């Protein structure tokens, strides 16, 4: 089950910021839509956890249940598809 992280977007007009546990994450954005995108990125980063790669078994930082292969194995699989 994916871990959920409480992310909050605060601001108005042309200044929007992303917060987690009262701390501002990253730079303020000039549009609400950009702050939403930034919030999604931070959500994935903060909910990452170590998992074993399904191919080689190496531990890597996984951003969710759909991210189950390490970068090296993912690159090898991409080359095999050509």
PDB file of N, CA and C in Angstrom:
ATOM      1  N   UNK A   1       0.832  -1.173   0.000  1.00  0.00           N
ATOM      2  CA  UNK A   1       0.000   0.000   0.000  1.00  0.00           C
ATOM      3  C   UNK A   1       0.885   1.247   0.000  1.00  0.00           C
ATOM      4  N   UNK A   2       0.574   2.211  -0.809  1.00  0.00           N
ATOM      5  CA  UNK A   2       1.376   3.425  -0.915  1.00  0.00           C
ATOM      6  C   UNK A   2       1.206   4.284   0.329  1.00  0.00           C
ATOM      7  N   UNK A   3       2.320   4.872   0.749  1.00  0.00           N
ATOM      8  CA  UNK A   3       2.258   5.792   1.877  1.00  0.00           C
ATOM      9  C   UNK A   3       1.762   7.131   1.378  1.00  0.00           C
ATOM     10  N   UNK A   4       0.908   7.754   2.158  1.00  0.00           N
ATOM     11  CA  UNK A   4       0.434   9.079   1.783  1.00  0.00           C
ATOM     12  C   UNK A   4       1.156  10.125   2.617  1.00  0.00           C
ATOM     13  N   UNK A   5       1.459  11.229   1.995  1.00  0.00           N
ATOM     14  CA  UNK A   5       2.155  12.330   2.638  1.00  0.00           C
ATOM     15  C   UNK A   5       1.266  13.554   2.513  1.00  0.00           C
ATOM     16  N   UNK A   6       1.061  14.248   3.626  1.00  0.00           N
ATOM     17  CA  UNK A   6       0.218  15.446   3.602  1.00  0.00           C
ATOM     18  C   UNK A   6       0.981  16.622   3.008  1.00  0.00           C
ATOM     19  N   UNK A   7       0.542  17.062   1.860  1.00  0.00           N
ATOM     20  CA  UNK A   7       1.113  18.212   1.163  1.00  0.00           C
ATOM     21  C   UNK A   7       0.032  19.281   1.112  1.00  0.00           C
ATOM     22  N   UNK A   8       0.435  20.516   1.317  1.00  0.00           N
ATOM     23  CA  UNK A   8      -0.513  21.629   1.333  1.00  0.00           C
ATOM     24  C   UNK A   8      -0.016  22.726   0.398  1.00  0.00           C
ATOM     25  N   UNK A   9      -0.936  23.325  -0.344  1.00  0.00           N
ATOM     26  CA  UNK A   9      -0.600  24.462  -1.212  1.00  0.00           C
ATOM     27  C   UNK A   9      -1.221  25.699  -0.586  1.00  0.00           C
ATOM     28  N   UNK A  10      -0.385  26.699  -0.335  1.00  0.00           N
ATOM     29  CA  UNK A  10      -0.867  27.947   0.256  1.00  0.00           C
ATOM     30  C   UNK A  10      -0.455  29.114  -0.633  1.00  0.00           C
ATOM     31  N   UNK A  11      -1.291  30.136  -0.641  1.00  0.00           N
ATOM     32  CA  UNK A  11      -0.948  31.350  -1.360  1.00  0.00           C
ATOM     33  C   UNK A  11      -2.167  32.004  -1.956  1.00  0.00           C
ATOM     34  N   UNK A  12      -1.900  33.006  -2.782  1.00  0.00           N
ATOM     35  CA  UNK A  12      -2.965  33.697  -3.501  1.00  0.00           C
ATOM     36  C   UNK A  12      -2.332  34.545  -4.593  1.00  0.00           C
ATOM     37  N   UNK A  13      -3.152  34.930  -5.552  1.00  0.00           N
ATOM     38  CA  UNK A  13      -2.662  35.799  -6.627  1.00  0.00           C
ATOM     39  C   UNK A  13      -1.527  35.182  -7.408  1.00  0.00           C
ATOM     40  N   UNK A  14      -0.354  35.778  -7.301  1.00  0.00           N
ATOM     41  CA  UNK A  14       0.794  35.305  -8.085  1.00  0.00           C
ATOM     42  C   UNK A  14       1.894  34.707  -7.215  1.00  0.00           C
ATOM     43  N   UNK A  15       1.551  34.212  -6.022  1.00  0.00           N
ATOM     44  CA  UNK A  15       2.534  33.576  -5.162  1.00  0.00           C
ATOM     45  C   UNK A  15       1.905  32.370  -4.464  1.00  0.00           C
ATOM     46  N   UNK A  16       2.347  31.181  -4.880  1.00  0.00           N
ATOM     47  CA  UNK A  16       1.832  29.922  -4.346  1.00  0.00           C
ATOM     48  C   UNK A  16       3.005  29.063  -3.902  1.00  0.00           C
ATOM     49  N   UNK A  17       2.893  28.450  -2.722  1.00  0.00           N
ATOM     50  CA  UNK A  17       3.964  27.623  -2.187  1.00  0.00           C
ATOM     51  C   UNK A  17       3.424  26.273  -1.730  1.00  0.00           C
ATOM     52  N   UNK A  18       4.302  25.295  -1.738  1.00  0.00           N
ATOM     53  CA  UNK A  18       3.977  23.943  -1.301  1.00  0.00           C
ATOM     54  C   UNK A  18       4.572  23.749   0.095  1.00  0.00           C
ATOM     55  N   UNK A  19       3.768  23.187   1.008  1.00  0.00           N
ATOM     56  CA  UNK A  19       4.205  22.977   2.381  1.00  0.00           C
ATOM     57  C   UNK A  19       3.986  21.535   2.806  1.00  0.00           C
ATOM     58  N   UNK A  20       4.876  21.075   3.681  1.00  0.00           N
ATOM     59  CA  UNK A  20       4.757  19.761   4.314  1.00  0.00           C
ATOM     60  C   UNK A  20       5.154  19.934   5.776  1.00  0.00           C
ATOM     61  N   UNK A  21       4.262  19.610   6.677  1.00  0.00           N
ATOM     62  CA  UNK A  21       4.470  19.744   8.117  1.00  0.00           C
ATOM     63  C   UNK A  21       4.933  21.152   8.493  1.00  0.00           C
ATOM     64  N   UNK A  22       4.333  22.145   7.873  1.00  0.00           N
ATOM     65  CA  UNK A  22       4.634  23.537   8.185  1.00  0.00           C
ATOM     66  C   UNK A  22       5.878  24.097   7.531  1.00  0.00           C
ATOM     67  N   UNK A  23       6.628  23.277   6.819  1.00  0.00           N
ATOM     68  CA  UNK A  23       7.854  23.718   6.159  1.00  0.00           C
ATOM     69  C   UNK A  23       7.614  23.906   4.665  1.00  0.00           C
ATOM     70  N   UNK A  24       8.101  25.025   4.134  1.00  0.00           N
ATOM     71  CA  UNK A  24       7.962  25.282   2.701  1.00  0.00           C
ATOM     72  C   UNK A  24       8.918  24.385   1.930  1.00  0.00           C
ATOM     73  N   UNK A  25       8.416  23.786   0.858  1.00  0.00           N
ATOM     74  CA  UNK A  25       9.223  22.931  -0.007  1.00  0.00           C
ATOM     75  C   UNK A  25       9.469  23.655  -1.320  1.00  0.00           C
ATOM     76  N   UNK A  26      10.704  23.826  -1.683  1.00  0.00           N
ATOM     77  CA  UNK A  26      11.033  24.458  -2.960  1.00  0.00           C
ATOM     78  C   UNK A  26      10.722  25.939  -2.986  1.00  0.00           C
ATOM     79  N   UNK A  27      10.766  26.470  -4.193  1.00  0.00           N
ATOM     80  CA  UNK A  27      10.533  27.902  -4.413  1.00  0.00           C
ATOM     81  C   UNK A  27       9.048  28.186  -4.604  1.00  0.00           C
ATOM     82  N   UNK A  28       8.623  29.403  -4.261  1.00  0.00           N
ATOM     83  CA  UNK A  28       7.238  29.795  -4.558  1.00  0.00           C
ATOM     84  C   UNK A  28       6.999  29.808  -6.070  1.00  0.00           C
ATOM     85  N   UNK A  29       5.786  29.495  -6.470  1.00  0.00           N
ATOM     86  CA  UNK A  29       5.405  29.489  -7.883  1.00  0.00           C
ATOM     87  C   UNK A  29       4.508  30.696  -8.166  1.00  0.00           C
ATOM     88  N   UNK A  30       4.520  31.160  -9.415  1.00  0.00           N
ATOM     89  CA  UNK A  30       3.713  32.332  -9.760  1.00  0.00           C
ATOM     90  C   UNK A  30       2.311  31.967 -10.253  1.00  0.00           C
ATOM     91  N   UNK A  31       2.017  30.673 -10.376  1.00  0.00           N
ATOM     92  CA  UNK A  31       0.693  30.222 -10.799  1.00  0.00           C
ATOM     93  C   UNK A  31       0.271  29.022  -9.952  1.00  0.00           C
ATOM     94  N   UNK A  32      -1.007  28.957  -9.655  1.00  0.00           N
ATOM     95  CA  UNK A  32      -1.537  27.855  -8.856  1.00  0.00           C
ATOM     96  C   UNK A  32      -1.287  26.514  -9.547  1.00  0.00           C
ATOM     97  N   UNK A  33      -1.445  26.464 -10.859  1.00  0.00           N
ATOM     98  CA  UNK A  33      -1.247  25.216 -11.605  1.00  0.00           C
ATOM     99  C   UNK A  33       0.188  24.713 -11.463  1.00  0.00           C
ATOM    100  N   UNK A  34       1.151  25.613 -11.483  1.00  0.00           N
ATOM    101  CA  UNK A  34       2.552  25.217 -11.319  1.00  0.00           C
ATOM    102  C   UNK A  34       2.790  24.692  -9.905  1.00  0.00           C
ATOM    103  N   UNK A  35       2.137  25.301  -8.923  1.00  0.00           N
ATOM    104  CA  UNK A  35       2.255  24.828  -7.545  1.00  0.00           C
ATOM    105  C   UNK A  35       1.662  23.421  -7.417  1.00  0.00           C
ATOM    106  N   UNK A  36       0.591  23.143  -8.132  1.00  0.00           N
ATOM    107  CA  UNK A  36      -0.011  21.800  -8.118  1.00  0.00           C
ATOM    108  C   UNK A  36       0.943  20.764  -8.695  1.00  0.00           C
ATOM    109  N   UNK A  37       1.615  21.111  -9.775  1.00  0.00           N
ATOM    110  CA  UNK A  37       2.597  20.206 -10.373  1.00  0.00           C
ATOM    111  C   UNK A  37       3.740  19.974  -9.400  1.00  0.00           C
ATOM    112  N   UNK A  38       4.224  21.044  -8.786  1.00  0.00           N
ATOM    113  CA  UNK A  38       5.297  20.936  -7.794  1.00  0.00           C
ATOM    114  C   UNK A  38       4.861  20.071  -6.614  1.00  0.00           C
ATOM    115  N   UNK A  39       3.624  20.223  -6.182  1.00  0.00           N
ATOM    116  CA  UNK A  39       3.103  19.422  -5.068  1.00  0.00           C
ATOM    117  C   UNK A  39       3.111  17.936  -5.422  1.00  0.00           C
ATOM    118  N   UNK A  40       2.760  17.610  -6.660  1.00  0.00           N
ATOM    119  CA  UNK A  40       2.783  16.217  -7.102  1.00  0.00           C
ATOM    120  C   UNK A  40       4.186  15.627  -7.079  1.00  0.00           C
ATOM    121  N   UNK A  41       5.158  16.426  -7.507  1.00  0.00           N
ATOM    122  CA  UNK A  41       6.560  15.979  -7.488  1.00  0.00           C
ATOM    123  C   UNK A  41       7.006  15.726  -6.055  1.00  0.00           C
ATOM    124  N   UNK A  42       6.721  16.665  -5.161  1.00  0.00           N
ATOM    125  CA  UNK A  42       7.093  16.506  -3.756  1.00  0.00           C
ATOM    126  C   UNK A  42       6.367  15.326  -3.128  1.00  0.00           C
ATOM    127  N   UNK A  43       5.124  15.105  -3.493  1.00  0.00           N
ATOM    128  CA  UNK A  43       4.350  13.971  -2.968  1.00  0.00           C
ATOM    129  C   UNK A  43       5.056  12.661  -3.303  1.00  0.00           C
ATOM    130  N   UNK A  44       5.488  12.520  -4.551  1.00  0.00           N
ATOM    131  CA  UNK A  44       6.188  11.297  -4.962  1.00  0.00           C
ATOM    132  C   UNK A  44       7.524  11.156  -4.242  1.00  0.00           C
ATOM    133  N   UNK A  45       8.275  12.251  -4.142  1.00  0.00           N
ATOM    134  CA  UNK A  45       9.579  12.197  -3.474  1.00  0.00           C
ATOM    135  C   UNK A  45       9.451  11.786  -2.016  1.00  0.00           C
ATOM    136  N   UNK A  46       8.516  12.386  -1.319  1.00  0.00           N
ATOM    137  CA  UNK A  46       8.378  12.127   0.110  1.00  0.00           C
ATOM    138  C   UNK A  46       7.767  10.763   0.415  1.00  0.00           C
ATOM    139  N   UNK A  47       7.051  10.187  -0.523  1.00  0.00           N
ATOM    140  CA  UNK A  47       6.449   8.876  -0.287  1.00  0.00           C
ATOM    141  C   UNK A  47       7.327   7.741  -0.801  1.00  0.00           C
ATOM    142  N   UNK A  48       8.498   8.047  -1.338  1.00  0.00           N
ATOM    143  CA  UNK A  48       9.407   7.015  -1.844  1.00  0.00           C
ATOM    144  C   UNK A  48       9.901   6.143  -0.697  1.00  0.00           C
ATOM    145  N   UNK A  49      10.148   4.878  -1.011  1.00  0.00           N
ATOM    146  CA  UNK A  49      10.732   3.964  -0.035  1.00  0.00           C
ATOM    147  C   UNK A  49      11.599   2.950  -0.762  1.00  0.00           C
ATOM    148  N   UNK A  50      12.464   2.299  -0.007  1.00  0.00           N
ATOM    149  CA  UNK A  50      13.344   1.301  -0.606  1.00  0.00           C
ATOM    150  C   UNK A  50      12.572   0.031  -0.913  1.00  0.00           C
ATOM    151  N   UNK A  51      12.827  -0.503  -2.107  1.00  0.00           N
ATOM    152  CA  UNK A  51      12.236  -1.772  -2.544  1.00  0.00           C
ATOM    153  C   UNK A  51      13.326  -2.596  -3.223  1.00  0.00           C
ATOM    154  N   UNK A  52      13.068  -3.862  -3.339  1.00  0.00           N
ATOM    155  CA  UNK A  52      13.969  -4.742  -4.070  1.00  0.00           C
ATOM    156  C   UNK A  52      13.537  -4.768  -5.534  1.00  0.00           C
ATOM    157  N   UNK A  53      14.497  -4.645  -6.443  1.00  0.00           N
ATOM    158  CA  UNK A  53      14.223  -4.709  -7.883  1.00  0.00           C
ATOM    159  C   UNK A  53      13.695  -6.103  -8.216  1.00  0.00           C
ATOM    160  N   UNK A  54      12.648  -6.162  -9.039  1.00  0.00           N
ATOM    161  CA  UNK A  54      12.069  -7.447  -9.412  1.00  0.00           C
ATOM    162  C   UNK A  54      12.992  -8.267 -10.307  1.00  0.00           C
ATOM    163  N   UNK A  55      13.946  -7.616 -10.982  1.00  0.00           N
ATOM    164  CA  UNK A  55      14.858  -8.340 -11.875  1.00  0.00           C
ATOM    165  C   UNK A  55      16.124  -8.823 -11.168  1.00  0.00           C
ATOM    166  N   UNK A  56      16.845  -7.885 -10.532  1.00  0.00           N
ATOM    167  CA  UNK A  56      18.151  -8.228  -9.956  1.00  0.00           C
ATOM    168  C   UNK A  56      18.152  -8.299  -8.433  1.00  0.00           C
ATOM    169  N   UNK A  57      17.097  -7.813  -7.785  1.00  0.00           N
ATOM    170  CA  UNK A  57      17.009  -7.872  -6.333  1.00  0.00           C
ATOM    171  C   UNK A  57      17.708  -6.740  -5.597  1.00  0.00           C
ATOM    172  N   UNK A  58      18.369  -5.848  -6.315  1.00  0.00           N
ATOM    173  CA  UNK A  58      19.062  -4.719  -5.681  1.00  0.00           C
ATOM    174  C   UNK A  58      18.054  -3.765  -5.048  1.00  0.00           C
ATOM    175  N   UNK A  59      18.428  -3.165  -3.934  1.00  0.00           N
ATOM    176  CA  UNK A  59      17.577  -2.177  -3.278  1.00  0.00           C
ATOM    177  C   UNK A  59      17.680  -0.840  -4.018  1.00  0.00           C
ATOM    178  N   UNK A  60      16.545  -0.183  -4.222  1.00  0.00           N
ATOM    179  CA  UNK A  60      16.524   1.131  -4.860  1.00  0.00           C
ATOM    180  C   UNK A  60      15.353   1.924  -4.305  1.00  0.00           C
ATOM    181  N   UNK A  61      15.371   3.229  -4.498  1.00  0.00           N
ATOM    182  CA  UNK A  61      14.316   4.099  -4.007  1.00  0.00           C
ATOM    183  C   UNK A  61      13.158   4.083  -4.996  1.00  0.00           C
ATOM    184  N   UNK A  62      12.028   3.508  -4.570  1.00  0.00           N
ATOM    185  CA  UNK A  62      10.860   3.342  -5.427  1.00  0.00           C
ATOM    186  C   UNK A  62       9.808   4.395  -5.096  1.00  0.00           C
ATOM    187  N   UNK A  63       9.209   4.978  -6.130  1.00  0.00           N
ATOM    188  CA  UNK A  63       8.199   6.018  -5.949  1.00  0.00           C
ATOM    189  C   UNK A  63       6.781   5.470  -5.913  1.00  0.00           C
ATOM    190  N   UNK A  64       6.614   4.171  -5.993  1.00  0.00           N
ATOM    191  CA  UNK A  64       5.269   3.608  -5.940  1.00  0.00           C
ATOM    192  C   UNK A  64       5.245   2.180  -6.440  1.00  0.00           C
ATOM    193  N   UNK A  65       4.100   1.558  -6.334  1.00  0.00           N
ATOM    194  CA  UNK A  65       3.954   0.156  -6.677  1.00  0.00           C
ATOM    195  C   UNK A  65       4.257  -0.112  -8.154  1.00  0.00           C
ATOM    196  N   UNK A  66       4.064   0.863  -9.015  1.00  0.00           N
ATOM    197  CA  UNK A  66       4.359   0.686 -10.440  1.00  0.00           C
ATOM    198  C   UNK A  66       5.826   0.892 -10.787  1.00  0.00           C
ATOM    199  N   UNK A  67       6.646   1.243  -9.821  1.00  0.00           N
ATOM    200  CA  UNK A  67       8.072   1.497 -10.026  1.00  0.00           C
ATOM    201  C   UNK A  67       8.836   0.402  -9.290  1.00  0.00           C
ATOM    202  N   UNK A  68       8.983  -0.775  -9.927  1.00  0.00           N
ATOM    203  CA  UNK A  68       9.535  -1.942  -9.253  1.00  0.00           C
ATOM    204  C   UNK A  68      10.847  -2.436  -9.828  1.00  0.00           C
ATOM    205  N   UNK A  69      11.413  -1.713 -10.819  1.00  0.00           N
ATOM    206  CA  UNK A  69      12.711  -2.080 -11.385  1.00  0.00           C
ATOM    207  C   UNK A  69      13.704  -0.956 -11.159  1.00  0.00           C
ATOM    208  N   UNK A  70      14.947  -1.318 -10.808  1.00  0.00           N
ATOM    209  CA  UNK A  70      15.987  -0.304 -10.630  1.00  0.00           C
ATOM    210  C   UNK A  70      16.299   0.332 -11.990  1.00  0.00           C
ATOM    211  N   UNK A  71      16.992   1.457 -11.982  1.00  0.00           N
ATOM    212  CA  UNK A  71      17.292   2.173 -13.225  1.00  0.00           C
ATOM    213  C   UNK A  71      18.101   1.326 -14.208  1.00  0.00           C
ATOM    214  N   UNK A  72      19.064   0.559 -13.701  1.00  0.00           N
ATOM    215  CA  UNK A  72      19.903  -0.261 -14.589  1.00  0.00           C
ATOM    216  C   UNK A  72      19.061  -1.322 -15.308  1.00  0.00           C
ATOM    217  N   UNK A  73      18.208  -2.015 -14.587  1.00  0.00           N
ATOM    218  CA  UNK A  73      17.364  -3.049 -15.209  1.00  0.00           C
ATOM    219  C   UNK A  73      16.323  -2.421 -16.136  1.00  0.00           C
ATOM    220  N   UNK A  74      15.812  -1.268 -15.762  1.00  0.00           N
ATOM    221  CA  UNK A  74      14.842  -0.567 -16.611  1.00  0.00           C
ATOM    222  C   UNK A  74      15.499  -0.175 -17.940  1.00  0.00           C
ATOM    223  N   UNK A  75      16.738   0.278 -17.875  1.00  0.00           N
ATOM    224  CA  UNK A  75      17.466   0.654 -19.092  1.00  0.00           C
ATOM    225  C   UNK A  75      17.740  -0.582 -19.955  1.00  0.00           C
ATOM    226  N   UNK A  76      18.129  -1.688 -19.336  1.00  0.00           N
ATOM    227  CA  UNK A  76      18.350  -2.936 -20.081  1.00  0.00           C
ATOM    228  C   UNK A  76      17.069  -3.383 -20.766  1.00  0.00           C
ATOM    229  N   UNK A  77      15.939  -3.297 -20.074  1.00  0.00           N
ATOM    230  CA  UNK A  77      14.653  -3.697 -20.645  1.00  0.00           C
ATOM    231  C   UNK A  77      14.269  -2.796 -21.801  1.00  0.00           C
ATOM    232  N   UNK A  78      14.576  -1.510 -21.698  1.00  0.00           N
ATOM    233  CA  UNK A  78      14.265  -0.565 -22.757  1.00  0.00           C
ATOM    234  C   UNK A  78      15.076  -0.916 -24.017  1.00  0.00           C
ATOM    235  N   UNK A  79      16.349  -1.303 -23.842  1.00  0.00           N
ATOM    236  CA  UNK A  79      17.186  -1.679 -24.982  1.00  0.00           C
ATOM    237  C   UNK A  79      16.729  -2.964 -25.636  1.00  0.00           C
ATOM    238  N   UNK A  80      16.144  -3.871 -24.872  1.00  0.00           N
ATOM    239  CA  UNK A  80      15.672  -5.143 -25.398  1.00  0.00           C
ATOM    240  C   UNK A  80      14.419  -4.969 -26.257  1.00  0.00           C
ATOM    241  N   UNK A  81      13.705  -3.879 -26.069  1.00  0.00           N
ATOM    242  CA  UNK A  81      12.479  -3.653 -26.809  1.00  0.00           C
ATOM    243  C   UNK A  81      12.712  -3.126 -28.219  1.00  0.00           C
ATOM    244  N   UNK A  82      13.915  -2.714 -28.515  1.00  0.00           N
ATOM    245  CA  UNK A  82      14.199  -2.124 -29.830  1.00  0.00           C
ATOM    246  C   UNK A  82      14.231  -3.148 -30.902  1.00  0.00           C
TER     247      UNK A  82
END
